[in-house]
Amino acid sequence: MAKEKQKEKDAGGLGAAATPAAPVAVPKRSPLQSKAVILAVIILVIVLVEIVAAYVIVHSLRKNEEEKMVKEKKEQNKKEDADSRGEDWIDEKAYGQSTEEVELVVNVASTEAERFLKVVFVLEFDNVKYPNLITALGLKKPKVKNIALEVLSTKGMQELLGSTAKLVIRNQIKKEVNKILTDEEGKIRDVLFHEFVIQ
């Protein structure tokens, strides 16, 4: 009996269970089931790849959009800073082309023809975007001069001497000139004064 117990101990103390267990029967899958599982795995992988690709694309587009917005904000801040100091702001990316100088002398309003304003200005535009605008502006030069005369002749001394006077006048002239230009001809970007003298 002691020998039997010793044999049981040597066998790992399994006693009657020391006999090898019968193999567990794994149900066999039909070839159709195997193909369905493989197909499901392939579809899952494709979906995961598409999700990752979509995330990467959206993330890069969002990043590019954010960078663009930051650049535009910086440009806007530069322009606002220049405007607040009464300086002309020039877009560093595109200087464009300008027309020939336009010279005008007008009486200052409310001075009973005792004071006058002499201005010399050019109209600036993007000659790459609007290659035919120089021709259109040449043909419409009398209208452009008339617009400038109408805007300037309504200004009194206070409106001409204020800290933002030139900016206001430039914007008014630009707005009115752009009204006489068609979309096909283009639009001017700015009115730049070369002289602005009150006498």
N, C-alpha and C. Protein backbone atom coordinates (compact mmCIF):
# COMPACT_ATOMS: atom_id res chain seq x y z
N MET A 1 0.82 -1.17 0.00
CA MET A 1 0.00 0.00 0.00
C MET A 1 0.87 1.24 0.00
N ALA A 2 1.93 1.22 0.72
CA ALA A 2 2.83 2.35 0.77
C ALA A 2 3.44 2.59 -0.59
N LYS A 3 3.67 1.49 -1.32
CA LYS A 3 4.24 1.65 -2.66
C LYS A 3 3.24 2.30 -3.59
N GLU A 4 1.97 1.97 -3.41
CA GLU A 4 0.94 2.57 -4.28
C GLU A 4 0.82 4.06 -4.01
N LYS A 5 0.91 4.42 -2.71
CA LYS A 5 0.81 5.83 -2.38
C LYS A 5 2.01 6.58 -2.94
N GLN A 6 3.18 5.93 -2.84
CA GLN A 6 4.40 6.54 -3.37
C GLN A 6 4.26 6.73 -4.88
N LYS A 7 3.67 5.79 -5.58
CA LYS A 7 3.49 5.88 -7.03
C LYS A 7 2.53 7.03 -7.35
N GLU A 8 1.50 7.18 -6.47
CA GLU A 8 0.56 8.28 -6.70
C GLU A 8 1.26 9.62 -6.51
N LYS A 9 2.16 9.70 -5.48
CA LYS A 9 2.90 10.94 -5.26
C LYS A 9 3.80 11.23 -6.44
N ASP A 10 4.49 10.20 -6.90
CA ASP A 10 5.39 10.37 -8.04
C ASP A 10 4.61 10.80 -9.30
N ALA A 11 3.42 10.35 -9.41
CA ALA A 11 2.61 10.68 -10.57
C ALA A 11 1.98 12.07 -10.42
N GLY A 12 2.32 12.78 -9.39
CA GLY A 12 1.82 14.14 -9.21
C GLY A 12 0.61 14.19 -8.33
N GLY A 13 0.38 13.16 -7.59
CA GLY A 13 -0.73 13.14 -6.67
C GLY A 13 -2.06 13.15 -7.37
N LEU A 14 -2.10 12.64 -8.54
CA LEU A 14 -3.34 12.69 -9.28
C LEU A 14 -4.20 11.48 -9.02
N GLY A 15 -3.64 10.48 -8.52
CA GLY A 15 -4.40 9.28 -8.19
C GLY A 15 -5.07 8.73 -9.42
N ALA A 16 -6.35 8.60 -9.38
CA ALA A 16 -7.11 8.01 -10.46
C ALA A 16 -7.12 8.92 -11.67
N ALA A 17 -6.87 10.19 -11.44
CA ALA A 17 -6.92 11.13 -12.55
C ALA A 17 -5.62 11.16 -13.32
N ALA A 18 -4.67 10.32 -12.97
CA ALA A 18 -3.37 10.32 -13.61
C ALA A 18 -3.44 9.79 -15.02
N THR A 19 -4.49 9.20 -15.34
CA THR A 19 -4.59 8.70 -16.71
C THR A 19 -4.79 9.89 -17.64
N PRO A 20 -4.22 9.85 -18.81
CA PRO A 20 -4.33 10.98 -19.73
C PRO A 20 -5.79 11.25 -20.08
N ALA A 21 -6.10 12.57 -20.14
CA ALA A 21 -7.47 12.96 -20.45
C ALA A 21 -7.74 12.74 -21.92
N ALA A 22 -8.97 12.50 -22.21
CA ALA A 22 -9.37 12.29 -23.59
C ALA A 22 -9.31 13.64 -24.31
N PRO A 23 -8.86 13.67 -25.55
CA PRO A 23 -8.78 14.94 -26.27
C PRO A 23 -10.16 15.57 -26.41
N VAL A 24 -10.15 16.93 -26.25
CA VAL A 24 -11.40 17.67 -26.37
C VAL A 24 -11.71 17.79 -27.85
N ALA A 25 -12.90 17.57 -28.19
CA ALA A 25 -13.29 17.62 -29.59
C ALA A 25 -13.54 19.07 -30.00
N VAL A 26 -12.77 19.57 -30.95
CA VAL A 26 -12.94 20.91 -31.49
C VAL A 26 -13.85 20.77 -32.70
N PRO A 27 -14.94 21.53 -32.67
CA PRO A 27 -15.85 21.38 -33.81
C PRO A 27 -15.17 21.90 -35.07
N LYS A 28 -15.30 21.16 -36.09
CA LYS A 28 -14.70 21.54 -37.37
C LYS A 28 -15.60 22.57 -38.04
N ARG A 29 -14.94 23.58 -38.65
CA ARG A 29 -15.69 24.61 -39.36
C ARG A 29 -15.76 24.23 -40.83
N SER A 30 -16.86 24.57 -41.37
CA SER A 30 -17.02 24.27 -42.79
C SER A 30 -16.19 25.29 -43.57
N PRO A 31 -15.80 25.01 -44.79
CA PRO A 31 -15.03 25.96 -45.59
C PRO A 31 -15.75 27.29 -45.75
N LEU A 32 -17.07 27.27 -45.79
CA LEU A 32 -17.85 28.49 -45.92
C LEU A 32 -17.72 29.36 -44.67
N GLN A 33 -17.74 28.73 -43.50
CA GLN A 33 -17.57 29.48 -42.25
C GLN A 33 -16.17 30.08 -42.16
N SER A 34 -15.16 29.35 -42.57
CA SER A 34 -13.77 29.84 -42.55
C SER A 34 -13.62 31.04 -43.47
N LYS A 35 -14.23 30.97 -44.63
CA LYS A 35 -14.15 32.09 -45.56
C LYS A 35 -14.88 33.30 -45.00
N ALA A 36 -15.99 33.09 -44.33
CA ALA A 36 -16.75 34.19 -43.74
C ALA A 36 -15.93 34.87 -42.65
N VAL A 37 -15.23 34.10 -41.84
CA VAL A 37 -14.39 34.67 -40.78
C VAL A 37 -13.25 35.47 -41.41
N ILE A 38 -12.62 34.93 -42.42
CA ILE A 38 -11.52 35.64 -43.09
C ILE A 38 -12.03 36.93 -43.71
N LEU A 39 -13.18 36.85 -44.36
CA LEU A 39 -13.78 38.03 -44.97
C LEU A 39 -14.11 39.08 -43.92
N ALA A 40 -14.65 38.66 -42.78
CA ALA A 40 -14.97 39.59 -41.70
C ALA A 40 -13.72 40.26 -41.17
N VAL A 41 -12.63 39.52 -41.03
CA VAL A 41 -11.37 40.08 -40.56
C VAL A 41 -10.84 41.09 -41.58
N ILE A 42 -10.90 40.75 -42.85
CA ILE A 42 -10.43 41.66 -43.90
C ILE A 42 -11.25 42.95 -43.89
N ILE A 43 -12.57 42.84 -43.78
CA ILE A 43 -13.43 44.01 -43.74
C ILE A 43 -13.11 44.86 -42.52
N LEU A 44 -12.91 44.23 -41.39
CA LEU A 44 -12.56 44.95 -40.16
C LEU A 44 -11.25 45.72 -40.33
N VAL A 45 -10.26 45.09 -40.93
CA VAL A 45 -8.97 45.75 -41.15
C VAL A 45 -9.14 46.93 -42.09
N ILE A 46 -9.92 46.76 -43.16
CA ILE A 46 -10.15 47.84 -44.12
C ILE A 46 -10.84 49.01 -43.42
N VAL A 47 -11.86 48.73 -42.63
CA VAL A 47 -12.58 49.79 -41.91
C VAL A 47 -11.63 50.52 -40.96
N LEU A 48 -10.80 49.79 -40.25
CA LEU A 48 -9.86 50.43 -39.33
C LEU A 48 -8.86 51.31 -40.09
N VAL A 49 -8.37 50.83 -41.23
CA VAL A 49 -7.44 51.62 -42.03
C VAL A 49 -8.13 52.90 -42.52
N GLU A 50 -9.39 52.78 -42.96
CA GLU A 50 -10.12 53.96 -43.43
C GLU A 50 -10.35 54.96 -42.29
N ILE A 51 -10.65 54.47 -41.10
CA ILE A 51 -10.85 55.35 -39.96
C ILE A 51 -9.56 56.10 -39.63
N VAL A 52 -8.45 55.40 -39.63
CA VAL A 52 -7.15 56.03 -39.35
C VAL A 52 -6.82 57.05 -40.44
N ALA A 53 -7.04 56.68 -41.70
CA ALA A 53 -6.75 57.60 -42.81
C ALA A 53 -7.63 58.84 -42.71
N ALA A 54 -8.90 58.66 -42.41
CA ALA A 54 -9.81 59.80 -42.28
C ALA A 54 -9.36 60.72 -41.14
N TYR A 55 -8.94 60.15 -40.03
CA TYR A 55 -8.47 60.94 -38.91
C TYR A 55 -7.24 61.76 -39.30
N VAL A 56 -6.30 61.11 -39.99
CA VAL A 56 -5.08 61.80 -40.40
C VAL A 56 -5.41 62.94 -41.37
N ILE A 57 -6.29 62.68 -42.33
CA ILE A 57 -6.66 63.71 -43.30
C ILE A 57 -7.35 64.88 -42.61
N VAL A 58 -8.32 64.59 -41.79
CA VAL A 58 -9.06 65.65 -41.09
C VAL A 58 -8.11 66.44 -40.19
N HIS A 59 -7.25 65.74 -39.50
CA HIS A 59 -6.31 66.41 -38.60
C HIS A 59 -5.37 67.33 -39.39
N SER A 60 -4.85 66.86 -40.53
CA SER A 60 -3.93 67.70 -41.30
C SER A 60 -4.67 68.88 -41.93
N LEU A 61 -5.92 68.67 -42.38
CA LEU A 61 -6.70 69.79 -42.93
C LEU A 61 -6.99 70.82 -41.85
N ARG A 62 -7.34 70.36 -40.69
CA ARG A 62 -7.62 71.27 -39.58
C ARG A 62 -6.36 72.05 -39.21
N LYS A 63 -5.23 71.36 -39.20
CA LYS A 63 -3.97 72.02 -38.86
C LYS A 63 -3.63 73.07 -39.91
N ASN A 64 -3.80 72.72 -41.20
CA ASN A 64 -3.52 73.68 -42.27
C ASN A 64 -4.46 74.88 -42.17
N GLU A 65 -5.72 74.64 -41.87
CA GLU A 65 -6.69 75.73 -41.74
C GLU A 65 -6.33 76.62 -40.56
N GLU A 66 -5.90 76.02 -39.45
CA GLU A 66 -5.51 76.81 -38.29
C GLU A 66 -4.28 77.66 -38.61
N GLU A 67 -3.30 77.09 -39.33
CA GLU A 67 -2.11 77.84 -39.70
C GLU A 67 -2.48 79.00 -40.62
N LYS A 68 -3.39 78.75 -41.55
CA LYS A 68 -3.84 79.80 -42.46
C LYS A 68 -4.52 80.92 -41.69
N MET A 69 -5.37 80.55 -40.73
CA MET A 69 -6.07 81.55 -39.93
C MET A 69 -5.10 82.38 -39.11
N VAL A 70 -4.07 81.73 -38.56
CA VAL A 70 -3.06 82.45 -37.77
C VAL A 70 -2.32 83.44 -38.66
N LYS A 71 -1.94 83.02 -39.88
CA LYS A 71 -1.25 83.92 -40.80
C LYS A 71 -2.14 85.10 -41.18
N GLU A 72 -3.41 84.81 -41.49
CA GLU A 72 -4.34 85.89 -41.84
C GLU A 72 -4.52 86.85 -40.68
N LYS A 73 -4.60 86.33 -39.46
CA LYS A 73 -4.75 87.17 -38.28
C LYS A 73 -3.52 88.07 -38.11
N LYS A 74 -2.33 87.50 -38.34
CA LYS A 74 -1.11 88.30 -38.23
C LYS A 74 -1.09 89.42 -39.26
N GLU A 75 -1.50 89.09 -40.50
CA GLU A 75 -1.55 90.11 -41.56
C GLU A 75 -2.57 91.20 -41.21
N GLN A 76 -3.72 90.77 -40.68
CA GLN A 76 -4.75 91.73 -40.29
C GLN A 76 -4.24 92.63 -39.16
N ASN A 77 -3.53 92.04 -38.20
CA ASN A 77 -2.97 92.84 -37.10
C ASN A 77 -1.94 93.84 -37.61
N LYS A 78 -1.11 93.41 -38.58
CA LYS A 78 -0.13 94.33 -39.16
C LYS A 78 -0.84 95.50 -39.83
N LYS A 79 -1.91 95.17 -40.58
CA LYS A 79 -2.65 96.23 -41.28
C LYS A 79 -3.30 97.18 -40.28
N GLU A 80 -3.93 96.63 -39.24
CA GLU A 80 -4.57 97.47 -38.24
C GLU A 80 -3.56 98.33 -37.50
N ASP A 81 -2.38 97.76 -37.20
CA ASP A 81 -1.33 98.55 -36.54
C ASP A 81 -0.90 99.72 -37.43
N ALA A 82 -0.69 99.44 -38.72
CA ALA A 82 -0.29 100.50 -39.64
C ALA A 82 -1.38 101.54 -39.76
N ASP A 83 -2.63 101.08 -39.86
CA ASP A 83 -3.75 102.02 -39.97
C ASP A 83 -3.87 102.89 -38.72
N SER A 84 -3.67 102.29 -37.54
CA SER A 84 -3.80 103.07 -36.30
C SER A 84 -2.71 104.13 -36.19
N ARG A 85 -1.57 103.88 -36.84
CA ARG A 85 -0.49 104.87 -36.84
C ARG A 85 -0.61 105.83 -38.01
N GLY A 86 -1.64 105.62 -38.86
CA GLY A 86 -1.85 106.49 -40.02
C GLY A 86 -0.87 106.21 -41.14
N GLU A 87 -0.29 105.03 -41.17
CA GLU A 87 0.68 104.67 -42.20
C GLU A 87 0.01 103.82 -43.27
N ASP A 88 0.62 103.82 -44.44
CA ASP A 88 0.14 102.95 -45.50
C ASP A 88 0.62 101.53 -45.22
N TRP A 89 -0.26 100.58 -45.43
CA TRP A 89 0.08 99.18 -45.24
C TRP A 89 0.24 98.53 -46.59
N ILE A 90 1.34 97.81 -46.79
CA ILE A 90 1.58 97.15 -48.06
C ILE A 90 1.65 95.65 -47.81
N ASP A 91 0.87 94.93 -48.57
CA ASP A 91 0.87 93.48 -48.49
C ASP A 91 2.22 92.98 -48.99
N GLU A 92 2.95 92.29 -48.14
CA GLU A 92 4.30 91.85 -48.50
C GLU A 92 4.30 90.78 -49.58
N LYS A 93 3.18 90.09 -49.77
CA LYS A 93 3.13 89.01 -50.75
C LYS A 93 2.95 89.52 -52.18
N ALA A 94 2.27 90.63 -52.34
CA ALA A 94 1.98 91.10 -53.69
C ALA A 94 1.89 92.62 -53.71
N TYR A 95 2.84 93.25 -54.38
CA TYR A 95 2.82 94.70 -54.46
C TYR A 95 1.87 95.17 -55.56
N GLY A 96 1.75 94.39 -56.61
CA GLY A 96 0.83 94.75 -57.68
C GLY A 96 1.38 95.85 -58.56
N GLN A 97 0.48 96.40 -59.34
CA GLN A 97 0.81 97.45 -60.29
C GLN A 97 -0.02 98.67 -59.94
N SER A 98 0.44 99.83 -60.38
CA SER A 98 -0.34 101.03 -60.13
C SER A 98 -0.50 101.82 -61.42
N THR A 99 -1.50 102.68 -61.42
CA THR A 99 -1.78 103.53 -62.57
C THR A 99 -0.78 104.68 -62.61
N GLU A 100 -0.91 105.49 -63.66
CA GLU A 100 -0.14 106.73 -63.70
C GLU A 100 -0.68 107.65 -62.61
N GLU A 101 0.13 108.61 -62.21
CA GLU A 101 -0.30 109.54 -61.18
C GLU A 101 -1.47 110.39 -61.65
N VAL A 102 -2.38 110.64 -60.73
CA VAL A 102 -3.49 111.56 -60.97
C VAL A 102 -3.27 112.75 -60.05
N GLU A 103 -3.28 113.96 -60.62
CA GLU A 103 -3.05 115.18 -59.83
C GLU A 103 -4.32 116.01 -59.84
N LEU A 104 -4.71 116.48 -58.66
CA LEU A 104 -5.92 117.30 -58.52
C LEU A 104 -5.66 118.44 -57.55
N VAL A 105 -6.33 119.56 -57.79
CA VAL A 105 -6.33 120.68 -56.86
C VAL A 105 -7.79 121.04 -56.64
N VAL A 106 -8.22 121.05 -55.38
CA VAL A 106 -9.62 121.36 -55.05
C VAL A 106 -9.67 122.38 -53.93
N ASN A 107 -10.74 123.17 -53.92
CA ASN A 107 -10.97 124.10 -52.81
C ASN A 107 -11.41 123.30 -51.60
N VAL A 108 -10.90 123.70 -50.45
CA VAL A 108 -11.31 123.06 -49.20
C VAL A 108 -12.69 123.60 -48.84
N ALA A 109 -13.63 122.72 -48.54
CA ALA A 109 -15.00 123.12 -48.22
C ALA A 109 -15.02 124.02 -47.00
N SER A 110 -15.94 124.96 -46.97
CA SER A 110 -16.17 125.88 -45.85
C SER A 110 -15.02 126.84 -45.61
N THR A 111 -14.17 127.09 -46.60
CA THR A 111 -13.09 128.07 -46.42
C THR A 111 -13.25 129.24 -47.38
N GLU A 112 -14.37 129.30 -48.07
CA GLU A 112 -14.68 130.37 -49.01
C GLU A 112 -13.55 130.57 -50.02
N ALA A 113 -13.03 129.44 -50.54
CA ALA A 113 -12.00 129.41 -51.58
C ALA A 113 -10.69 130.05 -51.14
N GLU A 114 -10.46 130.17 -49.84
CA GLU A 114 -9.20 130.71 -49.35
C GLU A 114 -8.14 129.62 -49.19
N ARG A 115 -8.57 128.38 -48.99
CA ARG A 115 -7.63 127.25 -48.81
C ARG A 115 -7.90 126.23 -49.90
N PHE A 116 -6.84 125.56 -50.30
CA PHE A 116 -7.03 124.50 -51.30
C PHE A 116 -6.17 123.30 -50.95
N LEU A 117 -6.55 122.19 -51.55
CA LEU A 117 -5.87 120.90 -51.31
C LEU A 117 -5.31 120.42 -52.64
N LYS A 118 -4.03 120.09 -52.62
CA LYS A 118 -3.40 119.49 -53.79
C LYS A 118 -3.08 118.04 -53.45
N VAL A 119 -3.56 117.12 -54.29
CA VAL A 119 -3.26 115.71 -54.09
C VAL A 119 -2.71 115.11 -55.38
N VAL A 120 -1.82 114.17 -55.20
CA VAL A 120 -1.33 113.33 -56.29
C VAL A 120 -1.45 111.90 -55.78
N PHE A 121 -2.14 111.07 -56.55
CA PHE A 121 -2.35 109.70 -56.10
C PHE A 121 -2.29 108.72 -57.27
N VAL A 122 -2.14 107.46 -56.93
CA VAL A 122 -2.20 106.37 -57.90
C VAL A 122 -3.17 105.32 -57.37
N LEU A 123 -3.68 104.51 -58.28
CA LEU A 123 -4.56 103.39 -57.91
C LEU A 123 -3.75 102.12 -58.03
N GLU A 124 -3.72 101.34 -56.96
CA GLU A 124 -2.96 100.09 -56.97
C GLU A 124 -3.91 98.91 -57.14
N PHE A 125 -3.44 97.90 -57.90
CA PHE A 125 -4.26 96.71 -58.15
C PHE A 125 -3.36 95.51 -58.40
N ASP A 126 -3.97 94.34 -58.37
CA ASP A 126 -3.25 93.08 -58.61
C ASP A 126 -3.24 92.81 -60.11
N ASN A 127 -2.11 93.06 -60.75
CA ASN A 127 -2.03 92.90 -62.20
C ASN A 127 -1.99 91.44 -62.64
N VAL A 128 -1.71 90.53 -61.72
CA VAL A 128 -1.75 89.10 -62.07
C VAL A 128 -3.20 88.63 -62.10
N LYS A 129 -3.95 89.01 -61.10
CA LYS A 129 -5.35 88.61 -61.02
C LYS A 129 -6.21 89.37 -62.03
N TYR A 130 -5.87 90.64 -62.28
CA TYR A 130 -6.65 91.48 -63.19
C TYR A 130 -5.72 92.08 -64.26
N PRO A 131 -5.31 91.30 -65.24
CA PRO A 131 -4.35 91.80 -66.23
C PRO A 131 -4.91 92.90 -67.14
N ASN A 132 -6.21 93.00 -67.29
CA ASN A 132 -6.82 94.01 -68.18
C ASN A 132 -7.26 95.26 -67.44
N LEU A 133 -7.04 95.32 -66.15
CA LEU A 133 -7.52 96.45 -65.36
C LEU A 133 -6.80 97.74 -65.71
N ILE A 134 -5.53 97.68 -66.06
CA ILE A 134 -4.79 98.90 -66.40
C ILE A 134 -5.42 99.58 -67.60
N THR A 135 -5.86 98.79 -68.58
CA THR A 135 -6.52 99.34 -69.77
C THR A 135 -7.86 99.96 -69.39
N ALA A 136 -8.64 99.24 -68.58
CA ALA A 136 -9.96 99.74 -68.16
C ALA A 136 -9.82 101.04 -67.37
N LEU A 137 -8.83 101.11 -66.49
CA LEU A 137 -8.63 102.34 -65.71
C LEU A 137 -8.18 103.50 -66.60
N GLY A 138 -7.38 103.19 -67.62
CA GLY A 138 -6.97 104.23 -68.56
C GLY A 138 -8.16 104.81 -69.30
N LEU A 139 -9.08 103.95 -69.71
CA LEU A 139 -10.28 104.40 -70.42
C LEU A 139 -11.23 105.17 -69.49
N LYS A 140 -11.20 104.84 -68.22
CA LYS A 140 -12.12 105.47 -67.26
C LYS A 140 -11.44 106.55 -66.42
N LYS A 141 -10.29 107.02 -66.87
CA LYS A 141 -9.55 108.02 -66.10
C LYS A 141 -10.37 109.29 -65.83
N PRO A 142 -11.14 109.81 -66.80
CA PRO A 142 -11.97 110.99 -66.48
C PRO A 142 -12.98 110.71 -65.35
N LYS A 143 -13.55 109.52 -65.35
CA LYS A 143 -14.50 109.17 -64.28
C LYS A 143 -13.78 109.06 -62.94
N VAL A 144 -12.59 108.49 -62.97
CA VAL A 144 -11.80 108.34 -61.74
C VAL A 144 -11.47 109.72 -61.17
N LYS A 145 -11.04 110.65 -62.03
CA LYS A 145 -10.73 112.01 -61.57
C LYS A 145 -11.98 112.68 -61.00
N ASN A 146 -13.10 112.48 -61.66
CA ASN A 146 -14.35 113.07 -61.18
C ASN A 146 -14.74 112.52 -59.81
N ILE A 147 -14.58 111.22 -59.63
CA ILE A 147 -14.88 110.59 -58.33
C ILE A 147 -14.01 111.22 -57.24
N ALA A 148 -12.70 111.33 -57.52
CA ALA A 148 -11.79 111.91 -56.53
C ALA A 148 -12.15 113.36 -56.23
N LEU A 149 -12.51 114.12 -57.26
CA LEU A 149 -12.92 115.52 -57.06
C LEU A 149 -14.16 115.61 -56.17
N GLU A 150 -15.15 114.75 -56.44
CA GLU A 150 -16.37 114.78 -55.64
C GLU A 150 -16.10 114.43 -54.18
N VAL A 151 -15.26 113.43 -53.96
CA VAL A 151 -14.95 113.03 -52.58
C VAL A 151 -14.18 114.14 -51.87
N LEU A 152 -13.14 114.67 -52.53
CA LEU A 152 -12.27 115.66 -51.88
C LEU A 152 -12.94 117.01 -51.68
N SER A 153 -13.78 117.42 -52.62
CA SER A 153 -14.37 118.76 -52.53
C SER A 153 -15.41 118.88 -51.42
N THR A 154 -15.83 117.78 -50.86
CA THR A 154 -16.80 117.83 -49.75
C THR A 154 -16.12 117.91 -48.39
N LYS A 155 -14.81 117.83 -48.36
CA LYS A 155 -14.09 117.77 -47.09
C LYS A 155 -13.70 119.17 -46.59
N GLY A 156 -14.01 119.41 -45.31
CA GLY A 156 -13.59 120.65 -44.66
C GLY A 156 -12.24 120.45 -43.99
N MET A 157 -11.73 121.47 -43.37
CA MET A 157 -10.41 121.41 -42.73
C MET A 157 -10.33 120.31 -41.67
N GLN A 158 -11.37 120.19 -40.85
CA GLN A 158 -11.36 119.16 -39.79
C GLN A 158 -11.25 117.76 -40.39
N GLU A 159 -11.96 117.53 -41.50
CA GLU A 159 -11.94 116.20 -42.13
C GLU A 159 -10.63 115.91 -42.85
N LEU A 160 -9.89 116.95 -43.18
CA LEU A 160 -8.62 116.76 -43.88
C LEU A 160 -7.44 116.65 -42.92
N LEU A 161 -7.59 117.18 -41.71
CA LEU A 161 -6.48 117.21 -40.76
C LEU A 161 -6.55 116.12 -39.69
N GLY A 162 -7.64 115.39 -39.61
CA GLY A 162 -7.77 114.36 -38.58
C GLY A 162 -6.71 113.26 -38.75
N SER A 163 -6.50 112.52 -37.68
CA SER A 163 -5.46 111.48 -37.71
C SER A 163 -5.76 110.36 -38.69
N THR A 164 -7.02 110.15 -38.97
CA THR A 164 -7.38 109.08 -39.91
C THR A 164 -7.93 109.64 -41.22
N ALA A 165 -7.73 110.94 -41.45
CA ALA A 165 -8.31 111.61 -42.61
C ALA A 165 -7.90 110.95 -43.93
N LYS A 166 -6.61 110.73 -44.10
CA LYS A 166 -6.15 110.15 -45.37
C LYS A 166 -6.72 108.76 -45.57
N LEU A 167 -6.77 107.98 -44.52
CA LEU A 167 -7.30 106.62 -44.63
C LEU A 167 -8.77 106.64 -45.03
N VAL A 168 -9.53 107.52 -44.42
CA VAL A 168 -10.96 107.63 -44.75
C VAL A 168 -11.13 108.03 -46.21
N ILE A 169 -10.36 109.02 -46.65
CA ILE A 169 -10.47 109.49 -48.03
C ILE A 169 -10.04 108.40 -49.01
N ARG A 170 -8.94 107.72 -48.71
CA ARG A 170 -8.48 106.62 -49.58
C ARG A 170 -9.57 105.57 -49.73
N ASN A 171 -10.18 105.19 -48.61
CA ASN A 171 -11.22 104.16 -48.66
C ASN A 171 -12.46 104.62 -49.43
N GLN A 172 -12.82 105.91 -49.28
CA GLN A 172 -13.97 106.42 -50.02
C GLN A 172 -13.70 106.41 -51.53
N ILE A 173 -12.53 106.87 -51.94
CA ILE A 173 -12.19 106.88 -53.36
C ILE A 173 -12.15 105.45 -53.90
N LYS A 174 -11.51 104.56 -53.15
CA LYS A 174 -11.43 103.16 -53.58
C LYS A 174 -12.82 102.56 -53.78
N LYS A 175 -13.69 102.78 -52.82
CA LYS A 175 -15.04 102.23 -52.88
C LYS A 175 -15.78 102.75 -54.11
N GLU A 176 -15.69 104.05 -54.36
CA GLU A 176 -16.41 104.64 -55.49
C GLU A 176 -15.82 104.22 -56.83
N VAL A 177 -14.50 104.10 -56.92
CA VAL A 177 -13.87 103.66 -58.17
C VAL A 177 -14.25 102.21 -58.46
N ASN A 178 -14.25 101.38 -57.44
CA ASN A 178 -14.61 99.97 -57.64
C ASN A 178 -16.05 99.81 -58.11
N LYS A 179 -16.91 100.78 -57.79
CA LYS A 179 -18.30 100.71 -58.25
C LYS A 179 -18.41 100.85 -59.77
N ILE A 180 -17.48 101.60 -60.39
CA ILE A 180 -17.56 101.81 -61.84
C ILE A 180 -16.84 100.72 -62.63
N LEU A 181 -16.19 99.79 -61.94
CA LEU A 181 -15.48 98.70 -62.60
C LEU A 181 -16.33 97.43 -62.57
N THR A 182 -16.31 96.70 -63.67
CA THR A 182 -17.05 95.43 -63.74
C THR A 182 -16.21 94.34 -63.09
N ASP A 183 -16.85 93.22 -62.79
CA ASP A 183 -16.12 92.08 -62.21
C ASP A 183 -15.08 91.55 -63.19
N GLU A 184 -15.38 91.61 -64.48
CA GLU A 184 -14.42 91.13 -65.49
C GLU A 184 -13.18 92.02 -65.55
N GLU A 185 -13.39 93.33 -65.36
CA GLU A 185 -12.26 94.26 -65.40
C GLU A 185 -11.40 94.10 -64.16
N GLY A 186 -12.02 93.91 -63.02
CA GLY A 186 -11.30 93.74 -61.77
C GLY A 186 -11.62 94.85 -60.78
N LYS A 187 -10.89 94.86 -59.69
CA LYS A 187 -11.08 95.84 -58.62
C LYS A 187 -9.72 96.39 -58.20
N ILE A 188 -9.72 97.67 -57.79
CA ILE A 188 -8.47 98.23 -57.28
C ILE A 188 -8.30 97.79 -55.83
N ARG A 189 -7.06 97.72 -55.40
CA ARG A 189 -6.75 97.28 -54.04
C ARG A 189 -6.56 98.45 -53.10
N ASP A 190 -6.04 99.57 -53.64
CA ASP A 190 -5.75 100.68 -52.75
C ASP A 190 -5.59 101.97 -53.53
N VAL A 191 -5.71 103.08 -52.84
CA VAL A 191 -5.42 104.41 -53.37
C VAL A 191 -4.23 104.91 -52.56
N LEU A 192 -3.14 105.23 -53.25
CA LEU A 192 -1.91 105.65 -52.57
C LEU A 192 -1.61 107.10 -52.89
N PHE A 193 -1.51 107.93 -51.85
CA PHE A 193 -1.20 109.34 -52.04
C PHE A 193 0.30 109.54 -52.15
N HIS A 194 0.71 110.27 -53.18
CA HIS A 194 2.12 110.67 -53.30
C HIS A 194 2.29 112.09 -52.75
N GLU A 195 1.21 112.88 -52.87
CA GLU A 195 1.21 114.22 -52.28
C GLU A 195 -0.17 114.45 -51.68
N PHE A 196 -0.18 115.17 -50.58
CA PHE A 196 -1.43 115.55 -49.91
C PHE A 196 -1.12 116.84 -49.16
N VAL A 197 -1.29 117.98 -49.86
CA VAL A 197 -0.85 119.26 -49.32
C VAL A 197 -2.02 120.22 -49.23
N ILE A 198 -2.19 120.82 -48.05
CA ILE A 198 -3.22 121.83 -47.84
C ILE A 198 -2.54 123.19 -47.78
N GLN A 199 -3.02 124.15 -48.60
CA GLN A 199 -2.42 125.50 -48.61
C GLN A 199 -3.48 126.56 -48.41
